[in-house]
Amino acid sequence: MKILVFTEKPFAPAAVKAIADTVNASGNELKLVEGGTREDFVEAIADADALIVRSDKVDRALLDHAKALKVIVRAGAGYDNIDLDAASERKICVMNTPGQNSNAVAELVFGMIVMMCRNQYNGKSGTELKDKSLGIYAYGQVGRNVARIAKGFGMKLEALDKFVDDAVMEADGIKPLHDVKELFANNDFVSLHIPATPETRNSIGYDLVMLMPENGVLVNTARKEVIDEAGLMKALEERPDLRYVSDIKPDAAEEFEHKFASRVFFTPKKMGAQTAEANFNAGVAAAEQSIAYLKDGWNKYQVNRF
């Protein structure tokens, strides 16, 4: 069977080789398209049995051309770039690769936090993380790695996740919360790891951010869609002590940077998973999951239903 890897942002060469070796060893055929156009995607997917993507958009119109497709694997945790309803209607299994990028994202969280605490290294006196409080919004794989690293800095930890039992957090030394307002009001730093869903889109805005303690820092390595940009901008205007950092440029990035200068920071592109290790791990996991599904229907990480 044919496994298509289509990526606008290519995998690292070592990951590509490992993916190819994995697919070839299984007796399947690999088709690799890197940096292709939409037209290339339409053409390549026509006879593919499996599809591996990163952040590439897989919508209903594209799937109309995927007559043989049985499984899509997103090499990463988030999957809002894939139309799950359209895939389900066509009986196409969609999976992600949870945990493969988690440490990379968590390390970036602290890279940005330390940078802001030290005033983006402008030579002026900054602050330390020891004994500061960190609120983790969503205690999944990334959130747990964030907690692990935070303990090394000597931080106080709280987390909010309605899908995780309090006992799990307590066993990790985390204080569980059940009110998002409390999470923002209690913590010097809030790190977002929630998915973009109808419930969470535009949910982080003025009212929540204004609850943060003096010199609060909001960190977003989740999705830009969870931020109410107008509300966040208003909060930053009214509270010159607040700061915002993200590995996802907001739509109004230029306005944020013009108005708030050193109080905001955005990476040029989404970089949470941009490490050689995460790239390799997610790519190989996606290949292995594609092969397992084609062979015997293995679907442990399926995110849609049909």
C-alpha atoms as a PDB file:
ATOM      1  CA  MET A   1       0.000   0.000   0.000  1.00  0.00           C
ATOM      2  CA  LYS A   2       1.080   3.597  -0.582  1.00  0.00           C
ATOM      3  CA  ILE A   3       1.912   5.894   2.339  1.00  0.00           C
ATOM      4  CA  LEU A   4       2.087   9.570   1.400  1.00  0.00           C
ATOM      5  CA  VAL A   5       4.133  12.017   3.463  1.00  0.00           C
ATOM      6  CA  PHE A   6       3.087  15.530   2.456  1.00  0.00           C
ATOM      7  CA  THR A   7       4.680  18.385   4.388  1.00  0.00           C
ATOM      8  CA  GLU A   8       4.973  22.076   3.666  1.00  0.00           C
ATOM      9  CA  LYS A   9       7.505  22.232   6.521  1.00  0.00           C
ATOM     10  CA  PRO A  10       9.762  19.246   5.746  1.00  0.00           C
ATOM     11  CA  PHE A  11      10.841  16.739   8.340  1.00  0.00           C
ATOM     12  CA  ALA A  12      14.530  16.795   9.235  1.00  0.00           C
ATOM     13  CA  PRO A  13      16.683  14.635   6.916  1.00  0.00           C
ATOM     14  CA  ALA A  14      17.310  12.092   9.679  1.00  0.00           C
ATOM     15  CA  ALA A  15      13.559  11.811  10.263  1.00  0.00           C
ATOM     16  CA  VAL A  16      12.877  11.375   6.544  1.00  0.00           C
ATOM     17  CA  LYS A  17      15.417   8.549   6.379  1.00  0.00           C
ATOM     18  CA  ALA A  18      13.934   6.853   9.442  1.00  0.00           C
ATOM     19  CA  ILE A  19      10.402   7.181   8.037  1.00  0.00           C
ATOM     20  CA  ALA A  20      11.542   5.725   4.716  1.00  0.00           C
ATOM     21  CA  ASP A  21      13.347   2.838   6.419  1.00  0.00           C
ATOM     22  CA  THR A  22      10.273   2.103   8.562  1.00  0.00           C
ATOM     23  CA  VAL A  23       7.860   2.146   5.619  1.00  0.00           C
ATOM     24  CA  ASN A  24      10.138   0.128   3.326  1.00  0.00           C
ATOM     25  CA  ALA A  25      10.743  -2.499   6.005  1.00  0.00           C
ATOM     26  CA  SER A  26       6.985  -2.981   6.291  1.00  0.00           C
ATOM     27  CA  GLY A  27       6.616  -3.766   2.600  1.00  0.00           C
ATOM     28  CA  ASN A  28       4.616  -0.627   1.890  1.00  0.00           C
ATOM     29  CA  GLU A  29       5.517   2.081  -0.615  1.00  0.00           C
ATOM     30  CA  LEU A  30       6.533   5.579   0.495  1.00  0.00           C
ATOM     31  CA  LYS A  31       5.714   8.702  -1.501  1.00  0.00           C
ATOM     32  CA  LEU A  32       7.378  11.863  -0.167  1.00  0.00           C
ATOM     33  CA  VAL A  33       6.276  15.352  -1.221  1.00  0.00           C
ATOM     34  CA  GLU A  34       8.020  18.223   0.576  1.00  0.00           C
ATOM     35  CA  GLY A  35       7.140  21.875   0.073  1.00  0.00           C
ATOM     36  CA  GLY A  36       4.511  21.066  -2.528  1.00  0.00           C
ATOM     37  CA  THR A  37       1.619  23.211  -3.708  1.00  0.00           C
ATOM     38  CA  ARG A  38      -2.072  22.541  -3.183  1.00  0.00           C
ATOM     39  CA  GLU A  39      -2.190  21.127  -6.698  1.00  0.00           C
ATOM     40  CA  ASP A  40       0.672  18.773  -5.828  1.00  0.00           C
ATOM     41  CA  PHE A  41      -1.271  17.662  -2.751  1.00  0.00           C
ATOM     42  CA  VAL A  42      -4.401  16.914  -4.781  1.00  0.00           C
ATOM     43  CA  GLU A  43      -2.409  14.893  -7.287  1.00  0.00           C
ATOM     44  CA  ALA A  44      -0.371  12.986  -4.700  1.00  0.00           C
ATOM     45  CA  ILE A  45      -3.293  11.990  -2.497  1.00  0.00           C
ATOM     46  CA  ALA A  46      -5.316  10.450  -5.322  1.00  0.00           C
ATOM     47  CA  ASP A  47      -3.943   6.921  -4.859  1.00  0.00           C
ATOM     48  CA  ALA A  48      -2.609   7.110  -1.293  1.00  0.00           C
ATOM     49  CA  ASP A  49      -3.774   4.572   1.280  1.00  0.00           C
ATOM     50  CA  ALA A  50      -2.283   6.512   4.210  1.00  0.00           C
ATOM     51  CA  LEU A  51      -1.351  10.152   4.705  1.00  0.00           C
ATOM     52  CA  ILE A  52       1.170  11.665   7.121  1.00  0.00           C
ATOM     53  CA  VAL A  53       1.083  15.437   7.615  1.00  0.00           C
ATOM     54  CA  ARG A  54       2.390  18.049  10.005  1.00  0.00           C
ATOM     55  CA  SER A  55       0.466  21.345  10.029  1.00  0.00           C
ATOM     56  CA  ASP A  56      -0.762  20.947   6.462  1.00  0.00           C
ATOM     57  CA  LYS A  57      -4.469  21.601   5.925  1.00  0.00           C
ATOM     58  CA  VAL A  58      -6.539  18.520   5.122  1.00  0.00           C
ATOM     59  CA  ASP A  59     -10.015  19.757   4.286  1.00  0.00           C
ATOM     60  CA  ARG A  60     -13.166  18.359   2.727  1.00  0.00           C
ATOM     61  CA  ALA A  61     -12.245  19.478  -0.787  1.00  0.00           C
ATOM     62  CA  LEU A  62      -8.901  17.692  -0.585  1.00  0.00           C
ATOM     63  CA  LEU A  63     -10.455  14.503   0.746  1.00  0.00           C
ATOM     64  CA  ASP A  64     -12.805  14.437  -2.255  1.00  0.00           C
ATOM     65  CA  HIS A  65      -9.715  13.443  -4.253  1.00  0.00           C
ATOM     66  CA  ALA A  66      -8.552  10.780  -1.792  1.00  0.00           C
ATOM     67  CA  LYS A  67     -10.427   7.784  -3.148  1.00  0.00           C
ATOM     68  CA  ALA A  68      -8.197   5.130  -1.561  1.00  0.00           C
ATOM     69  CA  LEU A  69      -7.341   6.868   1.708  1.00  0.00           C
ATOM     70  CA  LYS A  70      -7.872   4.846   4.878  1.00  0.00           C
ATOM     71  CA  VAL A  71      -5.883   6.679   7.539  1.00  0.00           C
ATOM     72  CA  ILE A  72      -4.428  10.137   8.244  1.00  0.00           C
ATOM     73  CA  VAL A  73      -1.779  10.576  10.916  1.00  0.00           C
ATOM     74  CA  ARG A  74      -0.887  14.028  12.164  1.00  0.00           C
ATOM     75  CA  ALA A  75       2.769  14.006  13.218  1.00  0.00           C
ATOM     76  CA  GLY A  76       2.173  15.970  16.397  1.00  0.00           C
ATOM     77  CA  ALA A  77      -0.457  16.453  19.062  1.00  0.00           C
ATOM     78  CA  GLY A  78      -2.808  19.080  17.596  1.00  0.00           C
ATOM     79  CA  TYR A  79      -5.096  18.062  14.751  1.00  0.00           C
ATOM     80  CA  ASP A  80      -7.299  21.092  14.096  1.00  0.00           C
ATOM     81  CA  ASN A  81      -5.773  21.313  10.599  1.00  0.00           C
ATOM     82  CA  ILE A  82      -7.764  18.183   9.668  1.00  0.00           C
ATOM     83  CA  ASP A  83     -11.485  18.172   8.934  1.00  0.00           C
ATOM     84  CA  LEU A  84     -12.556  15.351  11.236  1.00  0.00           C
ATOM     85  CA  ASP A  85     -16.185  15.366  10.099  1.00  0.00           C
ATOM     86  CA  ALA A  86     -15.211  15.003   6.461  1.00  0.00           C
ATOM     87  CA  ALA A  87     -12.813  12.189   7.329  1.00  0.00           C
ATOM     88  CA  SER A  88     -15.423  10.380   9.404  1.00  0.00           C
ATOM     89  CA  GLU A  89     -17.994  10.580   6.603  1.00  0.00           C
ATOM     90  CA  ARG A  90     -15.477   8.799   4.378  1.00  0.00           C
ATOM     91  CA  LYS A  91     -14.570   6.216   7.049  1.00  0.00           C
ATOM     92  CA  ILE A  92     -11.008   7.568   7.212  1.00  0.00           C
ATOM     93  CA  CYS A  93      -9.307   7.077  10.571  1.00  0.00           C
ATOM     94  CA  VAL A  94      -7.511  10.174  11.888  1.00  0.00           C
ATOM     95  CA  MET A  95      -4.794   9.791  14.513  1.00  0.00           C
ATOM     96  CA  ASN A  96      -2.287  12.074  16.187  1.00  0.00           C
ATOM     97  CA  THR A  97       1.039  11.182  17.827  1.00  0.00           C
ATOM     98  CA  PRO A  98       0.624  12.391  21.429  1.00  0.00           C
ATOM     99  CA  GLY A  99       3.686  12.834  23.563  1.00  0.00           C
ATOM    100  CA  GLN A 100       6.269  12.868  20.792  1.00  0.00           C
ATOM    101  CA  ASN A 101       6.682  16.670  20.816  1.00  0.00           C
ATOM    102  CA  SER A 102       5.849  17.250  24.478  1.00  0.00           C
ATOM    103  CA  ASN A 103       9.301  17.825  25.916  1.00  0.00           C
ATOM    104  CA  ALA A 104      10.259  20.128  23.039  1.00  0.00           C
ATOM    105  CA  VAL A 105       7.209  22.325  23.636  1.00  0.00           C
ATOM    106  CA  ALA A 106       7.746  22.361  27.395  1.00  0.00           C
ATOM    107  CA  GLU A 107      11.361  23.413  27.033  1.00  0.00           C
ATOM    108  CA  LEU A 108      10.338  26.267  24.741  1.00  0.00           C
ATOM    109  CA  VAL A 109       7.824  27.421  27.369  1.00  0.00           C
ATOM    110  CA  PHE A 110      10.682  27.964  29.789  1.00  0.00           C
ATOM    111  CA  GLY A 111      12.976  29.411  27.173  1.00  0.00           C
ATOM    112  CA  MET A 112      10.421  32.175  26.614  1.00  0.00           C
ATOM    113  CA  ILE A 113       9.612  32.563  30.316  1.00  0.00           C
ATOM    114  CA  VAL A 114      13.261  33.013  31.305  1.00  0.00           C
ATOM    115  CA  MET A 115      13.777  35.453  28.448  1.00  0.00           C
ATOM    116  CA  MET A 116      10.892  37.623  29.642  1.00  0.00           C
ATOM    117  CA  CYS A 117      11.966  37.425  33.296  1.00  0.00           C
ATOM    118  CA  ARG A 118      15.349  38.758  32.203  1.00  0.00           C
ATOM    119  CA  ASN A 119      13.786  41.544  30.112  1.00  0.00           C
ATOM    120  CA  GLN A 120      14.770  39.865  26.851  1.00  0.00           C
ATOM    121  CA  TYR A 121      18.404  40.120  27.980  1.00  0.00           C
ATOM    122  CA  ASN A 122      18.569  43.893  27.625  1.00  0.00           C
ATOM    123  CA  GLY A 123      21.071  44.292  30.463  1.00  0.00           C
ATOM    124  CA  LYS A 124      18.563  45.471  33.060  1.00  0.00           C
ATOM    125  CA  SER A 125      17.862  43.659  36.315  1.00  0.00           C
ATOM    126  CA  GLY A 126      15.234  40.936  36.043  1.00  0.00           C
ATOM    127  CA  THR A 127      13.514  38.379  38.283  1.00  0.00           C
ATOM    128  CA  GLU A 128      13.960  34.713  39.185  1.00  0.00           C
ATOM    129  CA  LEU A 129      11.522  31.829  38.881  1.00  0.00           C
ATOM    130  CA  LYS A 130      12.233  30.254  42.266  1.00  0.00           C
ATOM    131  CA  ASP A 131       9.162  30.444  44.549  1.00  0.00           C
ATOM    132  CA  LYS A 132       7.035  31.988  41.780  1.00  0.00           C
ATOM    133  CA  SER A 133       3.706  30.343  40.926  1.00  0.00           C
ATOM    134  CA  LEU A 134       2.840  28.675  37.620  1.00  0.00           C
ATOM    135  CA  GLY A 135      -0.658  27.749  36.483  1.00  0.00           C
ATOM    136  CA  ILE A 136      -0.883  25.042  33.830  1.00  0.00           C
ATOM    137  CA  TYR A 137      -4.053  25.122  31.725  1.00  0.00           C
ATOM    138  CA  ALA A 138      -4.528  21.523  30.500  1.00  0.00           C
ATOM    139  CA  TYR A 139      -2.547  18.765  32.155  1.00  0.00           C
ATOM    140  CA  GLY A 140      -1.822  16.512  29.207  1.00  0.00           C
ATOM    141  CA  GLN A 141       1.572  15.358  27.972  1.00  0.00           C
ATOM    142  CA  VAL A 142       2.907  18.883  27.432  1.00  0.00           C
ATOM    143  CA  GLY A 143       1.464  20.169  30.695  1.00  0.00           C
ATOM    144  CA  ARG A 144       3.108  17.343  32.612  1.00  0.00           C
ATOM    145  CA  ASN A 145       6.482  18.067  31.056  1.00  0.00           C
ATOM    146  CA  VAL A 146       6.034  21.751  31.907  1.00  0.00           C
ATOM    147  CA  ALA A 147       5.364  20.736  35.522  1.00  0.00           C
ATOM    148  CA  ARG A 148       8.440  18.511  35.588  1.00  0.00           C
ATOM    149  CA  ILE A 149      10.699  21.332  34.409  1.00  0.00           C
ATOM    150  CA  ALA A 150       9.047  23.889  36.703  1.00  0.00           C
ATOM    151  CA  LYS A 151       9.880  21.767  39.729  1.00  0.00           C
ATOM    152  CA  GLY A 152      13.542  22.103  38.831  1.00  0.00           C
ATOM    153  CA  PHE A 153      13.169  25.877  39.061  1.00  0.00           C
ATOM    154  CA  GLY A 154      11.551  25.566  42.490  1.00  0.00           C
ATOM    155  CA  MET A 155       8.183  26.933  41.379  1.00  0.00           C
ATOM    156  CA  LYS A 156       4.769  26.476  43.006  1.00  0.00           C
ATOM    157  CA  LEU A 157       2.386  24.624  40.705  1.00  0.00           C
ATOM    158  CA  GLU A 158      -1.350  24.515  40.006  1.00  0.00           C
ATOM    159  CA  ALA A 159      -3.213  22.988  37.080  1.00  0.00           C
ATOM    160  CA  LEU A 160      -6.685  22.932  35.587  1.00  0.00           C
ATOM    161  CA  ASP A 161      -7.927  20.085  33.414  1.00  0.00           C
ATOM    162  CA  LYS A 162     -11.485  18.781  33.642  1.00  0.00           C
ATOM    163  CA  PHE A 163     -10.444  15.542  31.942  1.00  0.00           C
ATOM    164  CA  VAL A 164      -7.752  14.646  34.485  1.00  0.00           C
ATOM    165  CA  ASP A 165      -8.554  13.342  37.970  1.00  0.00           C
ATOM    166  CA  ASP A 166      -7.396  15.449  40.894  1.00  0.00           C
ATOM    167  CA  ALA A 167      -5.564  12.416  42.253  1.00  0.00           C
ATOM    168  CA  VAL A 168      -3.294  12.340  39.203  1.00  0.00           C
ATOM    169  CA  MET A 169      -2.229  15.949  39.717  1.00  0.00           C
ATOM    170  CA  GLU A 170      -1.876  15.547  43.457  1.00  0.00           C
ATOM    171  CA  ALA A 171       0.355  12.512  42.954  1.00  0.00           C
ATOM    172  CA  ASP A 172       2.603  14.750  40.834  1.00  0.00           C
ATOM    173  CA  GLY A 173       2.714  17.424  43.520  1.00  0.00           C
ATOM    174  CA  ILE A 174       0.348  19.723  41.626  1.00  0.00           C
ATOM    175  CA  LYS A 175      -2.565  21.553  43.225  1.00  0.00           C
ATOM    176  CA  PRO A 176      -5.683  20.836  41.106  1.00  0.00           C
ATOM    177  CA  LEU A 177      -8.044  23.710  40.332  1.00  0.00           C
ATOM    178  CA  HIS A 178     -11.544  23.698  38.867  1.00  0.00           C
ATOM    179  CA  ASP A 179     -12.101  27.354  38.014  1.00  0.00           C
ATOM    180  CA  VAL A 180     -10.182  29.078  35.215  1.00  0.00           C
ATOM    181  CA  LYS A 181     -10.565  32.428  36.980  1.00  0.00           C
ATOM    182  CA  GLU A 182      -8.777  31.007  39.991  1.00  0.00           C
ATOM    183  CA  LEU A 183      -5.981  29.711  37.752  1.00  0.00           C
ATOM    184  CA  PHE A 184      -5.327  33.204  36.359  1.00  0.00           C
ATOM    185  CA  ALA A 185      -5.788  35.032  39.657  1.00  0.00           C
ATOM    186  CA  ASN A 186      -3.467  32.726  41.610  1.00  0.00           C
ATOM    187  CA  ASN A 187      -0.436  32.513  39.366  1.00  0.00           C
ATOM    188  CA  ASP A 188       2.456  34.707  38.286  1.00  0.00           C
ATOM    189  CA  PHE A 189       2.699  32.678  35.080  1.00  0.00           C
ATOM    190  CA  VAL A 190      -0.060  30.895  33.172  1.00  0.00           C
ATOM    191  CA  SER A 191       0.919  28.413  30.461  1.00  0.00           C
ATOM    192  CA  LEU A 192      -1.759  27.458  27.927  1.00  0.00           C
ATOM    193  CA  HIS A 193      -1.971  23.927  26.533  1.00  0.00           C
ATOM    194  CA  ILE A 194      -5.648  23.729  25.607  1.00  0.00           C
ATOM    195  CA  PRO A 195      -6.781  22.653  22.118  1.00  0.00           C
ATOM    196  CA  ALA A 196      -8.735  24.941  19.817  1.00  0.00           C
ATOM    197  CA  THR A 197     -12.348  23.754  20.199  1.00  0.00           C
ATOM    198  CA  PRO A 198     -15.683  25.573  20.011  1.00  0.00           C
ATOM    199  CA  GLU A 199     -15.500  25.856  23.791  1.00  0.00           C
ATOM    200  CA  THR A 200     -11.971  27.284  23.954  1.00  0.00           C
ATOM    201  CA  ARG A 201     -11.766  29.541  20.892  1.00  0.00           C
ATOM    202  CA  ASN A 202     -11.413  33.204  21.931  1.00  0.00           C
ATOM    203  CA  SER A 203     -11.791  32.128  25.571  1.00  0.00           C
ATOM    204  CA  ILE A 204      -8.599  33.785  26.857  1.00  0.00           C
ATOM    205  CA  GLY A 205      -9.216  37.523  26.838  1.00  0.00           C
ATOM    206  CA  TYR A 206      -9.612  40.687  28.864  1.00  0.00           C
ATOM    207  CA  ASP A 207     -11.488  39.377  31.887  1.00  0.00           C
ATOM    208  CA  LEU A 208      -9.126  36.478  32.574  1.00  0.00           C
ATOM    209  CA  VAL A 209      -5.869  38.272  31.835  1.00  0.00           C
ATOM    210  CA  MET A 210      -6.821  41.203  34.060  1.00  0.00           C
ATOM    211  CA  LEU A 211      -7.051  38.773  36.990  1.00  0.00           C
ATOM    212  CA  MET A 212      -3.334  37.998  36.859  1.00  0.00           C
ATOM    213  CA  PRO A 213      -1.068  39.223  39.671  1.00  0.00           C
ATOM    214  CA  GLU A 214       1.298  42.122  39.137  1.00  0.00           C
ATOM    215  CA  ASN A 215       3.967  41.381  36.510  1.00  0.00           C
ATOM    216  CA  GLY A 216       2.020  38.364  35.273  1.00  0.00           C
ATOM    217  CA  VAL A 217       3.190  36.530  32.150  1.00  0.00           C
ATOM    218  CA  LEU A 218       0.829  34.629  29.853  1.00  0.00           C
ATOM    219  CA  VAL A 219       2.491  31.912  27.760  1.00  0.00           C
ATOM    220  CA  ASN A 220       0.760  30.388  24.745  1.00  0.00           C
ATOM    221  CA  THR A 221       2.217  27.354  22.991  1.00  0.00           C
ATOM    222  CA  ALA A 222      -1.256  25.976  22.253  1.00  0.00           C
ATOM    223  CA  ARG A 223      -3.189  27.618  19.393  1.00  0.00           C
ATOM    224  CA  LYS A 224      -3.627  31.263  18.440  1.00  0.00           C
ATOM    225  CA  GLU A 225      -7.377  30.692  18.126  1.00  0.00           C
ATOM    226  CA  VAL A 226      -7.793  30.329  21.890  1.00  0.00           C
ATOM    227  CA  ILE A 227      -6.806  33.981  22.357  1.00  0.00           C
ATOM    228  CA  ASP A 228      -9.298  36.836  22.145  1.00  0.00           C
ATOM    229  CA  GLU A 229      -6.773  39.234  20.609  1.00  0.00           C
ATOM    230  CA  ALA A 230      -8.836  42.379  21.106  1.00  0.00           C
ATOM    231  CA  GLY A 231      -9.419  41.518  24.754  1.00  0.00           C
ATOM    232  CA  LEU A 232      -5.763  40.669  25.352  1.00  0.00           C
ATOM    233  CA  MET A 233      -4.670  43.910  23.727  1.00  0.00           C
ATOM    234  CA  LYS A 234      -7.030  45.908  25.932  1.00  0.00           C
ATOM    235  CA  ALA A 235      -5.656  44.189  29.035  1.00  0.00           C
ATOM    236  CA  LEU A 236      -2.060  44.943  28.032  1.00  0.00           C
ATOM    237  CA  GLU A 237      -3.006  48.581  27.416  1.00  0.00           C
ATOM    238  CA  GLU A 238      -4.566  48.929  30.860  1.00  0.00           C
ATOM    239  CA  ARG A 239      -1.937  46.865  32.702  1.00  0.00           C
ATOM    240  CA  PRO A 240       1.599  47.943  31.688  1.00  0.00           C
ATOM    241  CA  ASP A 241       3.000  45.265  34.024  1.00  0.00           C
ATOM    242  CA  LEU A 242       1.561  42.339  32.041  1.00  0.00           C
ATOM    243  CA  ARG A 243       3.429  40.398  29.360  1.00  0.00           C
ATOM    244  CA  TYR A 244       2.515  37.899  26.650  1.00  0.00           C
ATOM    245  CA  VAL A 245       4.738  35.388  24.858  1.00  0.00           C
ATOM    246  CA  SER A 246       3.791  32.828  22.248  1.00  0.00           C
ATOM    247  CA  ASP A 247       5.184  30.507  19.608  1.00  0.00           C
ATOM    248  CA  ILE A 248       2.169  31.373  17.457  1.00  0.00           C
ATOM    249  CA  LYS A 249       2.077  34.823  15.932  1.00  0.00           C
ATOM    250  CA  PRO A 250      -1.304  36.450  16.535  1.00  0.00           C
ATOM    251  CA  ASP A 251      -3.168  37.913  13.583  1.00  0.00           C
ATOM    252  CA  ALA A 252      -2.439  41.379  14.987  1.00  0.00           C
ATOM    253  CA  ALA A 253       1.233  40.641  15.694  1.00  0.00           C
ATOM    254  CA  GLU A 254       2.517  43.916  14.225  1.00  0.00           C
ATOM    255  CA  GLU A 255       0.106  45.956  16.338  1.00  0.00           C
ATOM    256  CA  PHE A 256       1.027  44.029  19.488  1.00  0.00           C
ATOM    257  CA  GLU A 257       4.735  44.538  18.840  1.00  0.00           C
ATOM    258  CA  HIS A 258       4.283  48.228  17.985  1.00  0.00           C
ATOM    259  CA  LYS A 259       2.219  48.972  21.088  1.00  0.00           C
ATOM    260  CA  PHE A 260       3.949  46.809  23.653  1.00  0.00           C
ATOM    261  CA  ALA A 261       7.499  46.349  22.358  1.00  0.00           C
ATOM    262  CA  SER A 262       9.521  44.319  24.880  1.00  0.00           C
ATOM    263  CA  ARG A 263       6.403  43.191  26.759  1.00  0.00           C
ATOM    264  CA  VAL A 264       5.483  40.722  24.009  1.00  0.00           C
ATOM    265  CA  PHE A 265       7.425  38.124  22.066  1.00  0.00           C
ATOM    266  CA  PHE A 266       6.402  35.847  19.181  1.00  0.00           C
ATOM    267  CA  THR A 267       8.518  33.287  17.373  1.00  0.00           C
ATOM    268  CA  PRO A 268       8.602  33.736  13.566  1.00  0.00           C
ATOM    269  CA  LYS A 269       6.593  30.527  13.092  1.00  0.00           C
ATOM    270  CA  LYS A 270       5.140  27.879  15.368  1.00  0.00           C
ATOM    271  CA  MET A 271       8.256  26.440  16.958  1.00  0.00           C
ATOM    272  CA  GLY A 272       7.121  24.357  19.920  1.00  0.00           C
ATOM    273  CA  ALA A 273       7.940  21.111  18.178  1.00  0.00           C
ATOM    274  CA  GLN A 274      10.851  22.441  16.149  1.00  0.00           C
ATOM    275  CA  THR A 275      13.655  20.302  17.526  1.00  0.00           C
ATOM    276  CA  ALA A 276      15.556  17.514  15.824  1.00  0.00           C
ATOM    277  CA  GLU A 277      14.424  15.071  18.485  1.00  0.00           C
ATOM    278  CA  ALA A 278      10.720  15.938  18.327  1.00  0.00           C
ATOM    279  CA  ASN A 279      10.794  15.995  14.539  1.00  0.00           C
ATOM    280  CA  PHE A 280      12.322  12.533  14.455  1.00  0.00           C
ATOM    281  CA  ASN A 281      10.068  11.045  17.141  1.00  0.00           C
ATOM    282  CA  ALA A 282       6.812  12.356  15.662  1.00  0.00           C
ATOM    283  CA  GLY A 283       7.716  11.342  12.119  1.00  0.00           C
ATOM    284  CA  VAL A 284       8.656   7.786  13.014  1.00  0.00           C
ATOM    285  CA  ALA A 285       5.611   7.414  15.274  1.00  0.00           C
ATOM    286  CA  ALA A 286       3.360   8.592  12.441  1.00  0.00           C
ATOM    287  CA  ALA A 287       4.903   6.044  10.075  1.00  0.00           C
ATOM    288  CA  GLU A 288       4.540   3.216  12.580  1.00  0.00           C
ATOM    289  CA  GLN A 289       0.920   4.120  13.320  1.00  0.00           C
ATOM    290  CA  SER A 290       0.059   4.317   9.614  1.00  0.00           C
ATOM    291  CA  ILE A 291       1.568   0.896   8.998  1.00  0.00           C
ATOM    292  CA  ALA A 292      -0.187  -0.642  12.008  1.00  0.00           C
ATOM    293  CA  TYR A 293      -3.564   0.687  10.908  1.00  0.00           C
ATOM    294  CA  LEU A 294      -3.155  -0.558   7.340  1.00  0.00           C
ATOM    295  CA  LYS A 295      -2.034  -3.954   8.604  1.00  0.00           C
ATOM    296  CA  ASP A 296      -4.621  -4.739  11.277  1.00  0.00           C
ATOM    297  CA  GLY A 297      -6.670  -1.636  12.070  1.00  0.00           C
ATOM    298  CA  TRP A 298      -4.614  -0.521  15.105  1.00  0.00           C
ATOM    299  CA  ASN A 299      -6.114   2.836  16.124  1.00  0.00           C
ATOM    300  CA  LYS A 300      -5.092   3.605  19.710  1.00  0.00           C
ATOM    301  CA  TYR A 301      -4.712   7.337  19.021  1.00  0.00           C
ATOM    302  CA  GLN A 302      -7.758   7.804  16.819  1.00  0.00           C
ATOM    303  CA  VAL A 303      -9.327  11.242  17.303  1.00  0.00           C
ATOM    304  CA  ASN A 304     -12.447  10.876  15.147  1.00  0.00           C
ATOM    305  CA  ARG A 305     -15.304   8.423  15.163  1.00  0.00           C
ATOM    306  CA  PHE A 306     -17.340   6.695  12.459  1.00  0.00           C
END
